[in-house]
Amino acid sequence: MSLLDVYRRRDPGIPLPRVIAYHICWYGIRAFFSALYGMRVQGQEYIPKSGGVLVVGNHQTNFDPPLMAVGSWRHFHFVAKGPLFENPKFGWLIRTFNAIPIEQNKPDTAAIKATIEHLRAGRMVLIYPEGSRTHDGAINPFKAGTSLLIRRAKVPVLPMAIEGAFDLWPRWQSKPKWSGYIRIKFGPVVPYEELAAAGTNGMLDLLKGRIDDMRLDLRQQIRAASGGQWPPAGPGDYAWDDPVLETIREPDPDPA
């Protein structure tokens, strides 16, 4: 296999210059976050070597997409909010780097169709079932549209978790902190048949549980690495279905 074939495998059917440009940025972003935040990635052996894969992750900050993308040797395609494409130059840039526009809070059959087309072309697509960034570090409810997409795409799902990013850049803060820890983890692929058998709500709970288990494990790793000083205690210490969580977390100021 030639070097060009290796690059083509990272993102099937995408023009080679764009694949190479993406990968050059991949090295730069990974080096930057590794140096600044000691970023570590686990579970890369679970990434399928080929075929369409829907990657499902929790959402902590605005820089989640590039952070999560550099955890994978295969290139990600992203579902991104429609307003991000309104600026012509920025819209062109994020389209070049595999962003798929979607309108929040509205049925968007075009975005679902585009996502499925990427999956059927053998690519990896990352989505955030929470719909928006966490407001307190804990996982928010998953949107029902995720189960609709899974049922239509009929592809395996790769759970992925990120932790530490929220404490670096919570949604109300204009700029990120310049020190801290970031950890990322992939879990075993969940076959479509297992998700379908769980039912509409069951598949969301299954994925939410696996992602949150990984997130909480990463949180403990960060505590160990920081001598217990990071991250600060809060709602992020609790699983999504822990009854304690609902008694301590404040209502989401922007639940959309």
C-alpha atoms as a PDB file:
ATOM      1  CA  MET A   1       0.000   0.000   0.000  1.00  0.00           C
ATOM      2  CA  SER A   2       1.389   3.388  -1.029  1.00  0.00           C
ATOM      3  CA  LEU A   3       1.488   6.462   1.218  1.00  0.00           C
ATOM      4  CA  LEU A   4      -1.284   8.050  -0.874  1.00  0.00           C
ATOM      5  CA  ASP A   5      -3.461   4.968  -0.301  1.00  0.00           C
ATOM      6  CA  VAL A   6      -2.872   5.287   3.444  1.00  0.00           C
ATOM      7  CA  TYR A   7      -4.108   8.872   3.338  1.00  0.00           C
ATOM      8  CA  ARG A   8      -7.137   7.939   1.245  1.00  0.00           C
ATOM      9  CA  ARG A   9      -8.148   5.328   3.839  1.00  0.00           C
ATOM     10  CA  ARG A  10      -8.388   8.079   6.445  1.00  0.00           C
ATOM     11  CA  ASP A  11     -11.366   9.645   4.642  1.00  0.00           C
ATOM     12  CA  PRO A  12     -12.745   7.605   1.705  1.00  0.00           C
ATOM     13  CA  GLY A  13     -13.928   9.549  -1.307  1.00  0.00           C
ATOM     14  CA  ILE A  14     -12.721  12.953  -0.100  1.00  0.00           C
ATOM     15  CA  PRO A  15     -10.316  14.810  -2.461  1.00  0.00           C
ATOM     16  CA  LEU A  16      -6.736  13.967  -1.554  1.00  0.00           C
ATOM     17  CA  PRO A  17      -5.551  17.613  -1.125  1.00  0.00           C
ATOM     18  CA  ARG A  18      -8.270  18.150   1.483  1.00  0.00           C
ATOM     19  CA  VAL A  19      -7.345  14.922   3.268  1.00  0.00           C
ATOM     20  CA  ILE A  20      -3.689  15.986   3.429  1.00  0.00           C
ATOM     21  CA  ALA A  21      -4.579  19.515   4.606  1.00  0.00           C
ATOM     22  CA  TYR A  22      -6.782  18.049   7.338  1.00  0.00           C
ATOM     23  CA  HIS A  23      -3.980  15.774   8.499  1.00  0.00           C
ATOM     24  CA  ILE A  24      -1.401  18.556   8.598  1.00  0.00           C
ATOM     25  CA  CYS A  25      -3.751  20.459  10.901  1.00  0.00           C
ATOM     26  CA  TRP A  26      -4.290  17.227  12.877  1.00  0.00           C
ATOM     27  CA  TYR A  27      -0.603  17.129  13.849  1.00  0.00           C
ATOM     28  CA  GLY A  28      -0.528  20.785  14.812  1.00  0.00           C
ATOM     29  CA  ILE A  29      -3.677  20.674  16.942  1.00  0.00           C
ATOM     30  CA  ARG A  30      -2.637  17.479  18.705  1.00  0.00           C
ATOM     31  CA  ALA A  31       0.817  18.841  19.514  1.00  0.00           C
ATOM     32  CA  PHE A  32      -0.668  22.109  20.815  1.00  0.00           C
ATOM     33  CA  PHE A  33      -3.212  20.546  23.176  1.00  0.00           C
ATOM     34  CA  SER A  34      -0.807  17.836  24.316  1.00  0.00           C
ATOM     35  CA  ALA A  35       1.774  20.446  25.260  1.00  0.00           C
ATOM     36  CA  LEU A  36      -0.655  22.897  26.871  1.00  0.00           C
ATOM     37  CA  TYR A  37      -3.076  20.564  28.660  1.00  0.00           C
ATOM     38  CA  GLY A  38      -1.261  17.240  28.786  1.00  0.00           C
ATOM     39  CA  MET A  39      -3.949  15.766  26.546  1.00  0.00           C
ATOM     40  CA  ARG A  40      -4.048  11.962  26.537  1.00  0.00           C
ATOM     41  CA  VAL A  41      -6.154   9.638  24.368  1.00  0.00           C
ATOM     42  CA  GLN A  42      -7.219   6.116  25.321  1.00  0.00           C
ATOM     43  CA  GLY A  43      -9.051   3.289  23.556  1.00  0.00           C
ATOM     44  CA  GLN A  44      -7.845   4.040  20.034  1.00  0.00           C
ATOM     45  CA  GLU A  45      -7.764   0.301  19.392  1.00  0.00           C
ATOM     46  CA  TYR A  46     -11.574   0.404  19.311  1.00  0.00           C
ATOM     47  CA  ILE A  47     -11.667   2.630  16.221  1.00  0.00           C
ATOM     48  CA  PRO A  48     -12.830   0.460  13.276  1.00  0.00           C
ATOM     49  CA  LYS A  49     -10.281   0.349  10.472  1.00  0.00           C
ATOM     50  CA  SER A  50     -12.897   0.889   7.772  1.00  0.00           C
ATOM     51  CA  GLY A  51     -16.586   1.377   7.105  1.00  0.00           C
ATOM     52  CA  GLY A  52     -19.146   3.942   8.162  1.00  0.00           C
ATOM     53  CA  VAL A  53     -19.128   4.672  11.882  1.00  0.00           C
ATOM     54  CA  LEU A  54     -21.270   7.069  13.898  1.00  0.00           C
ATOM     55  CA  VAL A  55     -19.203   8.551  16.732  1.00  0.00           C
ATOM     56  CA  VAL A  56     -21.295   9.693  19.706  1.00  0.00           C
ATOM     57  CA  GLY A  57     -19.712  11.894  22.363  1.00  0.00           C
ATOM     58  CA  ASN A  58     -20.456  14.220  25.249  1.00  0.00           C
ATOM     59  CA  HIS A  59     -20.170  17.964  24.644  1.00  0.00           C
ATOM     60  CA  GLN A  60     -18.192  20.192  27.037  1.00  0.00           C
ATOM     61  CA  THR A  61     -16.694  23.120  25.102  1.00  0.00           C
ATOM     62  CA  ASN A  62     -16.439  24.889  21.770  1.00  0.00           C
ATOM     63  CA  PHE A  63     -13.133  23.177  21.051  1.00  0.00           C
ATOM     64  CA  ASP A  64     -14.504  19.650  21.505  1.00  0.00           C
ATOM     65  CA  PRO A  65     -14.615  18.879  17.749  1.00  0.00           C
ATOM     66  CA  PRO A  66     -10.898  19.470  17.044  1.00  0.00           C
ATOM     67  CA  LEU A  67      -9.930  17.893  20.380  1.00  0.00           C
ATOM     68  CA  MET A  68     -11.894  14.744  19.666  1.00  0.00           C
ATOM     69  CA  ALA A  69     -10.832  14.639  16.018  1.00  0.00           C
ATOM     70  CA  VAL A  70      -7.128  14.465  16.848  1.00  0.00           C
ATOM     71  CA  GLY A  71      -7.810  11.418  18.998  1.00  0.00           C
ATOM     72  CA  SER A  72      -8.538   9.388  15.852  1.00  0.00           C
ATOM     73  CA  TRP A  73      -6.247   8.435  12.977  1.00  0.00           C
ATOM     74  CA  ARG A  74      -9.366   8.287  10.765  1.00  0.00           C
ATOM     75  CA  HIS A  75     -10.814  11.656   9.871  1.00  0.00           C
ATOM     76  CA  PHE A  76     -14.058  12.859  11.411  1.00  0.00           C
ATOM     77  CA  HIS A  77     -16.948  14.642   9.793  1.00  0.00           C
ATOM     78  CA  PHE A  78     -18.881  16.932  12.105  1.00  0.00           C
ATOM     79  CA  VAL A  79     -22.441  18.061  12.477  1.00  0.00           C
ATOM     80  CA  ALA A  80     -22.217  21.817  13.168  1.00  0.00           C
ATOM     81  CA  LYS A  81     -24.763  24.522  14.010  1.00  0.00           C
ATOM     82  CA  GLY A  82     -26.138  26.368  10.994  1.00  0.00           C
ATOM     83  CA  PRO A  83     -25.179  29.898  12.196  1.00  0.00           C
ATOM     84  CA  LEU A  84     -21.489  28.916  12.086  1.00  0.00           C
ATOM     85  CA  PHE A  85     -21.745  28.851   8.296  1.00  0.00           C
ATOM     86  CA  GLU A  86     -23.168  32.359   7.940  1.00  0.00           C
ATOM     87  CA  ASN A  87     -19.752  33.983   7.709  1.00  0.00           C
ATOM     88  CA  PRO A  88     -18.615  33.120   4.146  1.00  0.00           C
ATOM     89  CA  LYS A  89     -14.919  32.716   4.985  1.00  0.00           C
ATOM     90  CA  PHE A  90     -15.428  30.746   8.194  1.00  0.00           C
ATOM     91  CA  GLY A  91     -18.179  28.713   6.569  1.00  0.00           C
ATOM     92  CA  TRP A  92     -15.845  27.789   3.726  1.00  0.00           C
ATOM     93  CA  LEU A  93     -13.142  26.828   6.219  1.00  0.00           C
ATOM     94  CA  ILE A  94     -15.247  24.496   8.344  1.00  0.00           C
ATOM     95  CA  ARG A  95     -16.792  22.916   5.258  1.00  0.00           C
ATOM     96  CA  THR A  96     -13.276  22.236   4.013  1.00  0.00           C
ATOM     97  CA  PHE A  97     -12.610  20.469   7.279  1.00  0.00           C
ATOM     98  CA  ASN A  98     -15.671  18.255   7.046  1.00  0.00           C
ATOM     99  CA  ALA A  99     -18.417  20.187   8.878  1.00  0.00           C
ATOM    100  CA  ILE A 100     -22.036  19.310   8.044  1.00  0.00           C
ATOM    101  CA  PRO A 101     -24.547  22.140   8.758  1.00  0.00           C
ATOM    102  CA  ILE A 102     -27.609  21.394  10.871  1.00  0.00           C
ATOM    103  CA  GLU A 103     -30.379  23.654  12.172  1.00  0.00           C
ATOM    104  CA  GLN A 104     -30.940  23.240  15.921  1.00  0.00           C
ATOM    105  CA  ASN A 105     -34.447  22.678  17.319  1.00  0.00           C
ATOM    106  CA  LYS A 106     -35.905  22.029  13.882  1.00  0.00           C
ATOM    107  CA  PRO A 107     -36.439  18.847  11.897  1.00  0.00           C
ATOM    108  CA  ASP A 108     -33.526  18.893   9.490  1.00  0.00           C
ATOM    109  CA  THR A 109     -33.994  16.065   7.051  1.00  0.00           C
ATOM    110  CA  ALA A 110     -31.307  17.473   4.765  1.00  0.00           C
ATOM    111  CA  ALA A 111     -28.675  17.267   7.525  1.00  0.00           C
ATOM    112  CA  ILE A 112     -29.756  13.743   8.473  1.00  0.00           C
ATOM    113  CA  LYS A 113     -29.622  12.727   4.817  1.00  0.00           C
ATOM    114  CA  ALA A 114     -26.144  14.256   4.413  1.00  0.00           C
ATOM    115  CA  THR A 115     -24.924  12.487   7.552  1.00  0.00           C
ATOM    116  CA  ILE A 116     -26.232   9.150   6.326  1.00  0.00           C
ATOM    117  CA  GLU A 117     -24.604   9.684   2.923  1.00  0.00           C
ATOM    118  CA  HIS A 118     -21.221  10.200   4.626  1.00  0.00           C
ATOM    119  CA  LEU A 119     -21.722   7.068   6.718  1.00  0.00           C
ATOM    120  CA  ARG A 120     -22.705   4.970   3.715  1.00  0.00           C
ATOM    121  CA  ALA A 121     -19.612   6.233   1.901  1.00  0.00           C
ATOM    122  CA  GLY A 122     -17.556   4.589   4.629  1.00  0.00           C
ATOM    123  CA  ARG A 123     -16.720   7.707   6.671  1.00  0.00           C
ATOM    124  CA  MET A 124     -16.822   8.576  10.368  1.00  0.00           C
ATOM    125  CA  VAL A 125     -19.290  11.200  11.586  1.00  0.00           C
ATOM    126  CA  LEU A 126     -19.200  12.731  15.080  1.00  0.00           C
ATOM    127  CA  ILE A 127     -22.403  13.967  16.708  1.00  0.00           C
ATOM    128  CA  TYR A 128     -23.285  15.391  20.116  1.00  0.00           C
ATOM    129  CA  PRO A 129     -26.632  13.929  21.261  1.00  0.00           C
ATOM    130  CA  GLU A 130     -26.927  16.533  24.056  1.00  0.00           C
ATOM    131  CA  GLY A 131     -27.421  19.152  21.353  1.00  0.00           C
ATOM    132  CA  SER A 132     -25.466  21.835  23.204  1.00  0.00           C
ATOM    133  CA  ARG A 133     -22.595  22.154  25.664  1.00  0.00           C
ATOM    134  CA  THR A 134     -23.041  21.035  29.254  1.00  0.00           C
ATOM    135  CA  HIS A 135     -23.745  23.894  31.659  1.00  0.00           C
ATOM    136  CA  ASP A 136     -22.199  22.237  34.726  1.00  0.00           C
ATOM    137  CA  GLY A 137     -19.917  19.380  33.634  1.00  0.00           C
ATOM    138  CA  ALA A 138     -22.503  16.603  33.961  1.00  0.00           C
ATOM    139  CA  ILE A 139     -24.101  15.003  30.913  1.00  0.00           C
ATOM    140  CA  ASN A 140     -27.377  16.533  29.729  1.00  0.00           C
ATOM    141  CA  PRO A 141     -30.308  14.512  28.328  1.00  0.00           C
ATOM    142  CA  PHE A 142     -29.819  13.110  24.827  1.00  0.00           C
ATOM    143  CA  LYS A 143     -32.049  14.420  22.033  1.00  0.00           C
ATOM    144  CA  ALA A 144     -34.507  11.994  20.446  1.00  0.00           C
ATOM    145  CA  GLY A 145     -33.151  12.797  16.981  1.00  0.00           C
ATOM    146  CA  THR A 146     -30.097  10.682  17.785  1.00  0.00           C
ATOM    147  CA  SER A 147     -32.144   7.495  17.858  1.00  0.00           C
ATOM    148  CA  LEU A 148     -33.827   8.472  14.585  1.00  0.00           C
ATOM    149  CA  LEU A 149     -30.442   8.922  12.926  1.00  0.00           C
ATOM    150  CA  ILE A 150     -29.165   5.587  14.263  1.00  0.00           C
ATOM    151  CA  ARG A 151     -32.250   3.738  13.025  1.00  0.00           C
ATOM    152  CA  ARG A 152     -31.957   5.230   9.560  1.00  0.00           C
ATOM    153  CA  ALA A 153     -28.193   4.851   9.202  1.00  0.00           C
ATOM    154  CA  LYS A 154     -27.998   1.288  10.574  1.00  0.00           C
ATOM    155  CA  VAL A 155     -24.263   1.595  11.258  1.00  0.00           C
ATOM    156  CA  PRO A 156     -22.174   0.708  14.317  1.00  0.00           C
ATOM    157  CA  VAL A 157     -21.798   3.404  16.954  1.00  0.00           C
ATOM    158  CA  LEU A 158     -18.496   4.316  18.605  1.00  0.00           C
ATOM    159  CA  PRO A 159     -18.932   5.878  22.077  1.00  0.00           C
ATOM    160  CA  MET A 160     -16.431   8.597  22.950  1.00  0.00           C
ATOM    161  CA  ALA A 161     -15.918  10.705  26.067  1.00  0.00           C
ATOM    162  CA  ILE A 162     -14.023  13.888  26.839  1.00  0.00           C
ATOM    163  CA  GLU A 163     -13.282  15.189  30.336  1.00  0.00           C
ATOM    164  CA  GLY A 164     -11.463  18.207  31.753  1.00  0.00           C
ATOM    165  CA  ALA A 165     -12.435  20.528  28.917  1.00  0.00           C
ATOM    166  CA  PHE A 166     -15.492  21.967  30.703  1.00  0.00           C
ATOM    167  CA  ASP A 167     -13.393  23.079  33.666  1.00  0.00           C
ATOM    168  CA  LEU A 168     -11.001  24.791  31.257  1.00  0.00           C
ATOM    169  CA  TRP A 169     -13.665  26.588  29.275  1.00  0.00           C
ATOM    170  CA  PRO A 170     -17.202  26.612  30.725  1.00  0.00           C
ATOM    171  CA  ARG A 171     -19.829  28.040  28.420  1.00  0.00           C
ATOM    172  CA  TRP A 172     -20.188  31.333  30.329  1.00  0.00           C
ATOM    173  CA  GLN A 173     -16.453  32.077  30.127  1.00  0.00           C
ATOM    174  CA  SER A 174     -15.256  34.110  27.127  1.00  0.00           C
ATOM    175  CA  LYS A 175     -11.793  32.520  26.967  1.00  0.00           C
ATOM    176  CA  PRO A 176     -10.300  29.193  28.061  1.00  0.00           C
ATOM    177  CA  LYS A 177      -7.886  28.791  30.962  1.00  0.00           C
ATOM    178  CA  TRP A 178      -4.278  28.226  29.925  1.00  0.00           C
ATOM    179  CA  SER A 179      -3.522  25.338  32.267  1.00  0.00           C
ATOM    180  CA  GLY A 180      -5.333  22.150  33.176  1.00  0.00           C
ATOM    181  CA  TYR A 181      -5.884  18.599  31.980  1.00  0.00           C
ATOM    182  CA  ILE A 182      -7.751  17.020  29.084  1.00  0.00           C
ATOM    183  CA  ARG A 183      -8.483  13.326  28.677  1.00  0.00           C
ATOM    184  CA  ILE A 184     -10.271  11.560  25.807  1.00  0.00           C
ATOM    185  CA  LYS A 185     -11.425   7.960  25.610  1.00  0.00           C
ATOM    186  CA  PHE A 186     -13.018   5.672  23.022  1.00  0.00           C
ATOM    187  CA  GLY A 187     -15.108   2.702  24.098  1.00  0.00           C
ATOM    188  CA  PRO A 188     -15.937  -0.561  22.326  1.00  0.00           C
ATOM    189  CA  VAL A 189     -18.129  -0.219  19.244  1.00  0.00           C
ATOM    190  CA  VAL A 190     -21.835  -0.909  19.836  1.00  0.00           C
ATOM    191  CA  PRO A 191     -23.343  -2.887  16.931  1.00  0.00           C
ATOM    192  CA  TYR A 192     -26.475  -1.444  15.376  1.00  0.00           C
ATOM    193  CA  GLU A 193     -28.409  -4.632  16.156  1.00  0.00           C
ATOM    194  CA  GLU A 194     -27.765  -4.210  19.893  1.00  0.00           C
ATOM    195  CA  LEU A 195     -28.995  -0.632  19.812  1.00  0.00           C
ATOM    196  CA  ALA A 196     -32.091  -1.474  17.771  1.00  0.00           C
ATOM    197  CA  ALA A 197     -33.003  -4.256  20.192  1.00  0.00           C
ATOM    198  CA  ALA A 198     -32.835  -1.773  23.096  1.00  0.00           C
ATOM    199  CA  GLY A 199     -35.621   0.383  21.647  1.00  0.00           C
ATOM    200  CA  THR A 200     -35.766   4.138  21.101  1.00  0.00           C
ATOM    201  CA  ASN A 201     -35.237   5.242  24.700  1.00  0.00           C
ATOM    202  CA  GLY A 202     -33.137   2.230  25.606  1.00  0.00           C
ATOM    203  CA  MET A 203     -30.515   2.922  22.964  1.00  0.00           C
ATOM    204  CA  LEU A 204     -30.076   6.483  24.234  1.00  0.00           C
ATOM    205  CA  ASP A 205     -29.721   5.278  27.829  1.00  0.00           C
ATOM    206  CA  LEU A 206     -27.244   2.610  26.744  1.00  0.00           C
ATOM    207  CA  LEU A 207     -25.023   5.092  24.934  1.00  0.00           C
ATOM    208  CA  LYS A 208     -25.376   7.720  27.636  1.00  0.00           C
ATOM    209  CA  GLY A 209     -24.342   5.187  30.277  1.00  0.00           C
ATOM    210  CA  ARG A 210     -21.262   4.033  28.386  1.00  0.00           C
ATOM    211  CA  ILE A 211     -20.112   7.566  27.609  1.00  0.00           C
ATOM    212  CA  ASP A 212     -20.680   8.747  31.170  1.00  0.00           C
ATOM    213  CA  ASP A 213     -18.845   5.737  32.631  1.00  0.00           C
ATOM    214  CA  MET A 214     -15.825   6.659  30.525  1.00  0.00           C
ATOM    215  CA  ARG A 215     -16.133  10.339  31.414  1.00  0.00           C
ATOM    216  CA  LEU A 216     -16.200   9.588  35.139  1.00  0.00           C
ATOM    217  CA  ASP A 217     -13.204   7.263  34.800  1.00  0.00           C
ATOM    218  CA  LEU A 218     -11.279  10.034  33.020  1.00  0.00           C
ATOM    219  CA  ARG A 219     -12.304  12.466  35.748  1.00  0.00           C
ATOM    220  CA  GLN A 220     -10.739  10.202  38.360  1.00  0.00           C
ATOM    221  CA  GLN A 221      -7.590   9.927  36.258  1.00  0.00           C
ATOM    222  CA  ILE A 222      -7.321  13.727  36.146  1.00  0.00           C
ATOM    223  CA  ARG A 223      -7.758  13.886  39.922  1.00  0.00           C
ATOM    224  CA  ALA A 224      -4.947  11.382  40.350  1.00  0.00           C
ATOM    225  CA  ALA A 225      -2.671  13.225  37.923  1.00  0.00           C
ATOM    226  CA  SER A 226      -3.294  16.560  39.670  1.00  0.00           C
ATOM    227  CA  GLY A 227      -2.918  15.277  43.203  1.00  0.00           C
ATOM    228  CA  GLY A 228      -6.631  15.789  43.820  1.00  0.00           C
ATOM    229  CA  GLN A 229      -6.552  19.479  42.939  1.00  0.00           C
ATOM    230  CA  TRP A 230      -8.303  19.262  39.561  1.00  0.00           C
ATOM    231  CA  PRO A 231     -11.113  19.306  38.565  1.00  0.00           C
ATOM    232  CA  PRO A 232     -13.068  21.090  41.306  1.00  0.00           C
ATOM    233  CA  ALA A 233     -15.900  19.125  42.915  1.00  0.00           C
ATOM    234  CA  GLY A 234     -19.331  19.664  41.411  1.00  0.00           C
ATOM    235  CA  PRO A 235     -22.153  18.117  39.363  1.00  0.00           C
ATOM    236  CA  GLY A 236     -19.566  16.643  36.993  1.00  0.00           C
ATOM    237  CA  ASP A 237     -18.696  14.118  39.717  1.00  0.00           C
ATOM    238  CA  TYR A 238     -22.058  12.377  39.297  1.00  0.00           C
ATOM    239  CA  ALA A 239     -23.421   9.979  36.702  1.00  0.00           C
ATOM    240  CA  TRP A 240     -26.333  11.071  34.542  1.00  0.00           C
ATOM    241  CA  ASP A 241     -28.763   8.745  36.395  1.00  0.00           C
ATOM    242  CA  ASP A 242     -27.528   9.403  39.947  1.00  0.00           C
ATOM    243  CA  PRO A 243     -30.480  10.762  42.000  1.00  0.00           C
ATOM    244  CA  VAL A 244     -28.078  13.103  43.788  1.00  0.00           C
ATOM    245  CA  LEU A 245     -27.372  14.938  40.539  1.00  0.00           C
ATOM    246  CA  GLU A 246     -30.896  16.274  40.197  1.00  0.00           C
ATOM    247  CA  THR A 247     -30.784  17.688  43.714  1.00  0.00           C
ATOM    248  CA  ILE A 248     -27.562  19.682  43.239  1.00  0.00           C
ATOM    249  CA  ARG A 249     -27.541  20.888  39.652  1.00  0.00           C
ATOM    250  CA  GLU A 250     -29.019  24.197  38.614  1.00  0.00           C
ATOM    251  CA  PRO A 251     -31.476  24.356  35.691  1.00  0.00           C
ATOM    252  CA  ASP A 252     -29.798  24.687  32.315  1.00  0.00           C
ATOM    253  CA  PRO A 253     -30.044  28.380  31.353  1.00  0.00           C
ATOM    254  CA  ASP A 254     -29.994  27.441  27.670  1.00  0.00           C
ATOM    255  CA  PRO A 255     -31.584  23.970  27.301  1.00  0.00           C
ATOM    256  CA  ALA A 256     -31.879  24.227  23.495  1.00  0.00           C
END
